[in-house]
Amino acid sequence: MRLFKHLTRLLRDIVIFAKENKAWWIVPIVVVLLLTAVIIVAGQTVAPFIYTLF
């Protein structure tokens, strides 16, 4: 739960920084990095099940 709280605060700070400095190019980079992290974590959790099929 603490991790979710800190992640939410970090994302909020990034959005506030982008608003104040008009640096909207940062937001897509953060979104792509988060999606990449989700794909990596999902791939690691599915990998042991794939090996048992072959």
N, C-alpha and C. Protein backbone atom coordinates (compact mmCIF):
# COMPACT_ATOMS: atom_id res chain seq x y z
N MET A 1 0.82 -1.19 0.00
CA MET A 1 0.00 0.00 0.00
C MET A 1 0.87 1.26 0.00
N ARG A 2 2.00 1.20 0.70
CA ARG A 2 2.88 2.36 0.72
C ARG A 2 3.46 2.63 -0.65
N LEU A 3 3.75 1.55 -1.39
CA LEU A 3 4.31 1.71 -2.73
C LEU A 3 3.32 2.44 -3.63
N PHE A 4 2.05 2.06 -3.55
CA PHE A 4 1.03 2.72 -4.36
C PHE A 4 0.90 4.19 -3.99
N LYS A 5 1.00 4.47 -2.70
CA LYS A 5 0.91 5.86 -2.22
C LYS A 5 2.07 6.69 -2.77
N HIS A 6 3.27 6.13 -2.73
CA HIS A 6 4.44 6.86 -3.21
C HIS A 6 4.42 7.01 -4.73
N LEU A 7 3.95 5.98 -5.43
CA LEU A 7 3.86 6.05 -6.88
C LEU A 7 2.85 7.10 -7.31
N THR A 8 1.73 7.17 -6.63
CA THR A 8 0.71 8.17 -6.93
C THR A 8 1.26 9.58 -6.70
N ARG A 9 1.98 9.75 -5.61
CA ARG A 9 2.56 11.07 -5.31
C ARG A 9 3.60 11.45 -6.36
N LEU A 10 4.42 10.50 -6.78
CA LEU A 10 5.43 10.77 -7.80
C LEU A 10 4.78 11.18 -9.12
N LEU A 11 3.75 10.46 -9.53
CA LEU A 11 3.06 10.80 -10.78
C LEU A 11 2.40 12.18 -10.69
N ARG A 12 1.83 12.48 -9.54
CA ARG A 12 1.21 13.80 -9.35
C ARG A 12 2.26 14.90 -9.44
N ASP A 13 3.43 14.68 -8.83
CA ASP A 13 4.50 15.67 -8.90
C ASP A 13 5.00 15.87 -10.33
N ILE A 14 5.05 14.80 -11.10
CA ILE A 14 5.49 14.93 -12.50
C ILE A 14 4.48 15.75 -13.29
N VAL A 15 3.19 15.52 -13.08
CA VAL A 15 2.17 16.28 -13.80
C VAL A 15 2.21 17.74 -13.38
N ILE A 16 2.38 18.02 -12.11
CA ILE A 16 2.48 19.41 -11.64
C ILE A 16 3.70 20.09 -12.24
N PHE A 17 4.81 19.37 -12.29
CA PHE A 17 6.02 19.93 -12.91
C PHE A 17 5.78 20.24 -14.39
N ALA A 18 5.10 19.33 -15.10
CA ALA A 18 4.83 19.55 -16.52
C ALA A 18 3.92 20.76 -16.72
N LYS A 19 2.94 20.94 -15.84
CA LYS A 19 2.05 22.11 -15.95
C LYS A 19 2.79 23.41 -15.71
N GLU A 20 3.58 23.45 -14.64
CA GLU A 20 4.24 24.70 -14.27
C GLU A 20 5.31 25.11 -15.27
N ASN A 21 6.01 24.13 -15.83
CA ASN A 21 7.13 24.45 -16.73
C ASN A 21 6.77 24.27 -18.20
N LYS A 22 5.50 23.96 -18.47
CA LYS A 22 5.03 23.73 -19.83
C LYS A 22 5.91 22.71 -20.55
N ALA A 23 6.21 21.64 -19.86
CA ALA A 23 7.05 20.57 -20.40
C ALA A 23 6.18 19.32 -20.58
N TRP A 24 5.21 19.42 -21.46
CA TRP A 24 4.27 18.31 -21.66
C TRP A 24 4.90 17.11 -22.34
N TRP A 25 6.09 17.26 -22.88
CA TRP A 25 6.76 16.13 -23.52
C TRP A 25 7.19 15.08 -22.50
N ILE A 26 7.22 15.44 -21.22
CA ILE A 26 7.62 14.49 -20.19
C ILE A 26 6.53 13.44 -19.95
N VAL A 27 5.28 13.83 -20.08
CA VAL A 27 4.17 12.92 -19.76
C VAL A 27 4.16 11.67 -20.64
N PRO A 28 4.29 11.76 -21.97
CA PRO A 28 4.32 10.52 -22.76
C PRO A 28 5.51 9.62 -22.43
N ILE A 29 6.64 10.22 -22.09
CA ILE A 29 7.81 9.41 -21.73
C ILE A 29 7.52 8.61 -20.47
N VAL A 30 6.91 9.24 -19.49
CA VAL A 30 6.57 8.55 -18.24
C VAL A 30 5.55 7.44 -18.50
N VAL A 31 4.58 7.70 -19.36
CA VAL A 31 3.56 6.69 -19.67
C VAL A 31 4.21 5.48 -20.35
N VAL A 32 5.11 5.72 -21.29
CA VAL A 32 5.79 4.62 -21.98
C VAL A 32 6.64 3.82 -21.00
N LEU A 33 7.33 4.49 -20.10
CA LEU A 33 8.14 3.78 -19.11
C LEU A 33 7.28 2.94 -18.18
N LEU A 34 6.13 3.46 -17.77
CA LEU A 34 5.23 2.69 -16.91
C LEU A 34 4.68 1.47 -17.64
N LEU A 35 4.29 1.63 -18.90
CA LEU A 35 3.79 0.50 -19.68
C LEU A 35 4.87 -0.56 -19.87
N THR A 36 6.09 -0.13 -20.11
CA THR A 36 7.21 -1.07 -20.24
C THR A 36 7.42 -1.84 -18.95
N ALA A 37 7.34 -1.17 -17.83
CA ALA A 37 7.51 -1.84 -16.55
C ALA A 37 6.40 -2.86 -16.31
N VAL A 38 5.17 -2.51 -16.67
CA VAL A 38 4.05 -3.44 -16.50
C VAL A 38 4.24 -4.67 -17.38
N ILE A 39 4.69 -4.48 -18.62
CA ILE A 39 4.91 -5.61 -19.52
C ILE A 39 6.02 -6.51 -19.00
N ILE A 40 7.08 -5.93 -18.47
CA ILE A 40 8.18 -6.74 -17.93
C ILE A 40 7.72 -7.55 -16.73
N VAL A 41 7.00 -6.92 -15.82
CA VAL A 41 6.52 -7.63 -14.64
C VAL A 41 5.54 -8.74 -15.02
N ALA A 42 4.64 -8.44 -15.97
CA ALA A 42 3.69 -9.45 -16.42
C ALA A 42 4.41 -10.61 -17.10
N GLY A 43 5.44 -10.31 -17.87
CA GLY A 43 6.20 -11.36 -18.54
C GLY A 43 6.94 -12.26 -17.58
N GLN A 44 7.41 -11.70 -16.50
CA GLN A 44 8.13 -12.50 -15.51
C GLN A 44 7.18 -13.41 -14.74
N THR A 45 5.95 -13.00 -14.56
CA THR A 45 5.02 -13.83 -13.81
C THR A 45 4.44 -14.93 -14.67
N VAL A 46 4.41 -14.76 -15.99
CA VAL A 46 3.85 -15.76 -16.88
C VAL A 46 4.90 -16.76 -17.34
N ALA A 47 6.17 -16.38 -17.31
CA ALA A 47 7.25 -17.20 -17.84
C ALA A 47 7.29 -18.62 -17.27
N PRO A 48 7.17 -18.85 -15.97
CA PRO A 48 7.24 -20.23 -15.47
C PRO A 48 6.12 -21.12 -16.03
N PHE A 49 4.98 -20.57 -16.31
CA PHE A 49 3.87 -21.36 -16.83
C PHE A 49 4.08 -21.73 -18.30
N ILE A 50 4.76 -20.88 -19.04
CA ILE A 50 5.05 -21.17 -20.45
C ILE A 50 6.03 -22.32 -20.55
N TYR A 51 7.03 -22.36 -19.67
CA TYR A 51 8.04 -23.42 -19.73
C TYR A 51 7.42 -24.79 -19.46
N THR A 52 6.40 -24.87 -18.65
CA THR A 52 5.78 -26.16 -18.37
C THR A 52 4.99 -26.70 -19.54
N LEU A 53 4.57 -25.84 -20.47
CA LEU A 53 3.83 -26.30 -21.64
C LEU A 53 4.72 -27.00 -22.65
N PHE A 54 5.99 -26.66 -22.69
CA PHE A 54 6.88 -27.26 -23.68
C PHE A 54 7.78 -28.23 -22.98
